[in-house]
Protein backbone atom coordinates (compact mmCIF):
# COMPACT_ATOMS: atom_id res chain seq x y z
CA MET A 1 83.63 101.54 89.39
CA LYS A 2 82.74 102.55 92.91
CA SER A 3 79.30 101.56 94.16
CA GLY A 4 76.98 104.26 95.33
CA ASN A 5 78.10 107.62 96.62
CA LYS A 6 79.89 106.32 99.73
CA LYS A 7 83.07 108.10 100.39
CA ALA A 8 85.97 105.95 101.40
CA ALA A 9 87.73 106.85 104.62
CA ASP A 10 91.05 105.24 103.56
CA ILE A 11 92.63 103.31 100.66
CA ASP A 12 91.63 99.94 102.07
CA GLU A 13 87.99 100.95 102.15
CA TYR A 14 88.23 102.37 98.64
CA LEU A 15 89.71 99.10 97.34
CA ASN A 16 87.18 96.97 99.14
CA GLU A 17 84.46 98.51 96.97
CA LEU A 18 85.95 97.21 93.75
CA THR A 19 85.72 93.98 91.91
CA GLU A 20 88.48 91.47 92.71
CA ASP A 21 90.33 91.82 89.37
CA VAL A 22 90.42 95.56 89.63
CA ARG A 23 91.33 95.54 93.32
CA ASP A 24 94.16 93.20 92.58
CA LYS A 25 95.60 95.62 89.99
CA LEU A 26 95.26 98.58 92.29
CA GLU A 27 96.91 96.56 95.19
CA SER A 28 99.92 95.91 92.94
CA LEU A 29 99.93 99.62 91.93
CA ARG A 30 99.77 100.51 95.64
CA LYS A 31 102.65 98.15 96.47
CA THR A 32 104.76 99.63 93.68
CA ILE A 33 104.14 103.19 94.94
CA ARG A 34 104.92 102.12 98.52
CA LYS A 35 108.15 100.51 97.48
CA ALA A 36 109.24 103.61 95.46
CA ALA A 37 108.17 106.02 98.15
CA PRO A 38 108.52 104.24 101.50
CA ASP A 39 108.23 107.43 103.50
CA ALA A 40 105.04 108.59 101.84
CA ASP A 41 101.76 108.63 103.66
CA GLU A 42 98.46 107.13 102.36
CA THR A 43 95.26 109.12 102.38
CA ILE A 44 92.14 109.90 100.37
CA ASN A 45 92.19 113.24 98.56
CA TYR A 46 89.63 114.22 95.92
CA GLN A 47 87.81 111.10 97.03
CA ILE A 48 90.58 108.87 95.52
CA PRO A 49 93.68 107.03 96.88
CA THR A 50 96.63 109.44 97.38
CA PHE A 51 100.19 109.23 98.47
CA THR A 52 101.60 112.36 100.09
CA LEU A 53 105.15 113.31 100.79
CA ASN A 54 105.61 117.02 101.41
CA GLY A 55 102.42 117.54 99.61
CA ASN A 56 100.64 115.43 97.09
CA LEU A 57 102.80 112.85 95.48
CA VAL A 58 100.47 110.69 93.26
CA HIS A 59 96.90 109.75 93.14
CA PHE A 60 95.12 106.79 91.41
CA ALA A 61 91.51 105.71 90.81
CA ALA A 62 89.54 102.93 89.27
CA PHE A 63 87.22 103.64 86.33
CA LYS A 64 85.07 101.49 84.11
CA ASN A 65 87.78 100.76 81.46
CA HIS A 66 90.98 102.11 82.90
CA ILE A 67 93.04 102.94 86.01
CA GLY A 68 93.67 106.70 86.26
CA PHE A 69 97.16 107.57 87.60
CA TYR A 70 97.83 111.17 88.52
CA PRO A 71 101.54 112.06 89.04
CA GLY A 72 101.01 115.78 88.01
CA PRO A 73 102.06 117.65 84.85
CA SER A 74 105.77 117.72 85.60
CA ALA A 75 106.05 113.92 85.72
CA ILE A 76 103.84 113.58 82.57
CA GLU A 77 106.10 115.87 80.75
CA ALA A 78 109.31 114.15 82.08
CA PHE A 79 107.97 110.75 81.00
CA LYS A 80 106.18 111.95 77.84
CA LYS A 81 107.87 109.44 75.49
CA GLU A 82 107.28 106.45 77.71
CA LEU A 83 103.74 107.41 78.35
CA SER A 84 102.86 108.26 74.74
CA VAL A 85 101.26 104.84 74.18
CA TYR A 86 98.64 105.71 76.83
CA GLU A 87 95.72 108.08 76.75
CA GLY A 88 96.21 111.01 79.16
CA ALA A 89 96.03 114.67 79.90
CA LYS A 90 98.21 117.40 81.42
CA GLY A 91 98.66 115.68 84.79
CA SER A 92 97.21 112.19 84.30
CA VAL A 93 97.55 108.93 82.41
CA GLN A 94 95.07 106.18 81.77
CA PHE A 95 96.15 102.59 82.02
CA PRO A 96 93.59 100.27 80.26
CA LEU A 97 92.10 97.57 82.62
CA ASP A 98 92.73 94.88 79.91
CA LYS A 99 96.42 95.46 79.81
CA LYS A 100 99.24 94.78 82.40
CA LEU A 101 100.27 97.78 84.45
CA PRO A 102 103.65 99.20 83.55
CA LEU A 103 104.85 98.81 87.11
CA LYS A 104 108.53 99.56 86.39
CA LEU A 105 107.57 102.80 84.67
CA ILE A 106 105.23 103.73 87.48
CA SER A 107 108.00 103.18 89.99
CA GLU A 108 110.36 105.53 88.05
CA ILE A 109 107.59 108.17 87.89
CA VAL A 110 106.98 107.88 91.63
CA LYS A 111 110.66 108.15 92.37
CA PHE A 112 110.81 111.24 90.16
CA ARG A 113 107.97 112.79 92.10
CA VAL A 114 109.63 111.96 95.45
CA LYS A 115 112.75 113.70 94.35
CA GLU A 116 110.74 116.63 93.04
CA ASN A 117 108.82 117.07 96.34
CA LEU A 118 111.95 116.73 98.43
CA GLU A 119 113.71 119.37 96.36
CA LYS A 120 110.66 121.66 96.82
CA LYS A 121 110.92 121.22 100.51
CA LYS A 122 114.58 122.14 100.45
CA LYS A 123 113.94 125.27 98.60
CA LYS A 124 111.29 126.39 101.12
CA LYS A 125 113.92 126.28 103.95
């Protein structure tokens, strides 16, 4: 999906490299994550958009036929039933580009991850 080997410095730069239709989907995904995790920071990790809050929260990326969403293995397990209609792996899920993003589900997953990361921080103290 990305053009060339240019590494994006931030999420805006990453999104600007995409076609308008894909960029619009990722902007709505970004907004959903931001709303569910207002205290999270945006960055680029592993050359893809990432939200962090006491460590990595979620990542996402554009591919030829899908949007990759990476909330980690614990979230995939916790939402296994809801995510069963999508392709995925241990810590990721693929949302087809030709379908609407399940923004409500994504919001729930992000909130789960926020809670998880905040609990981790408490345990470290």
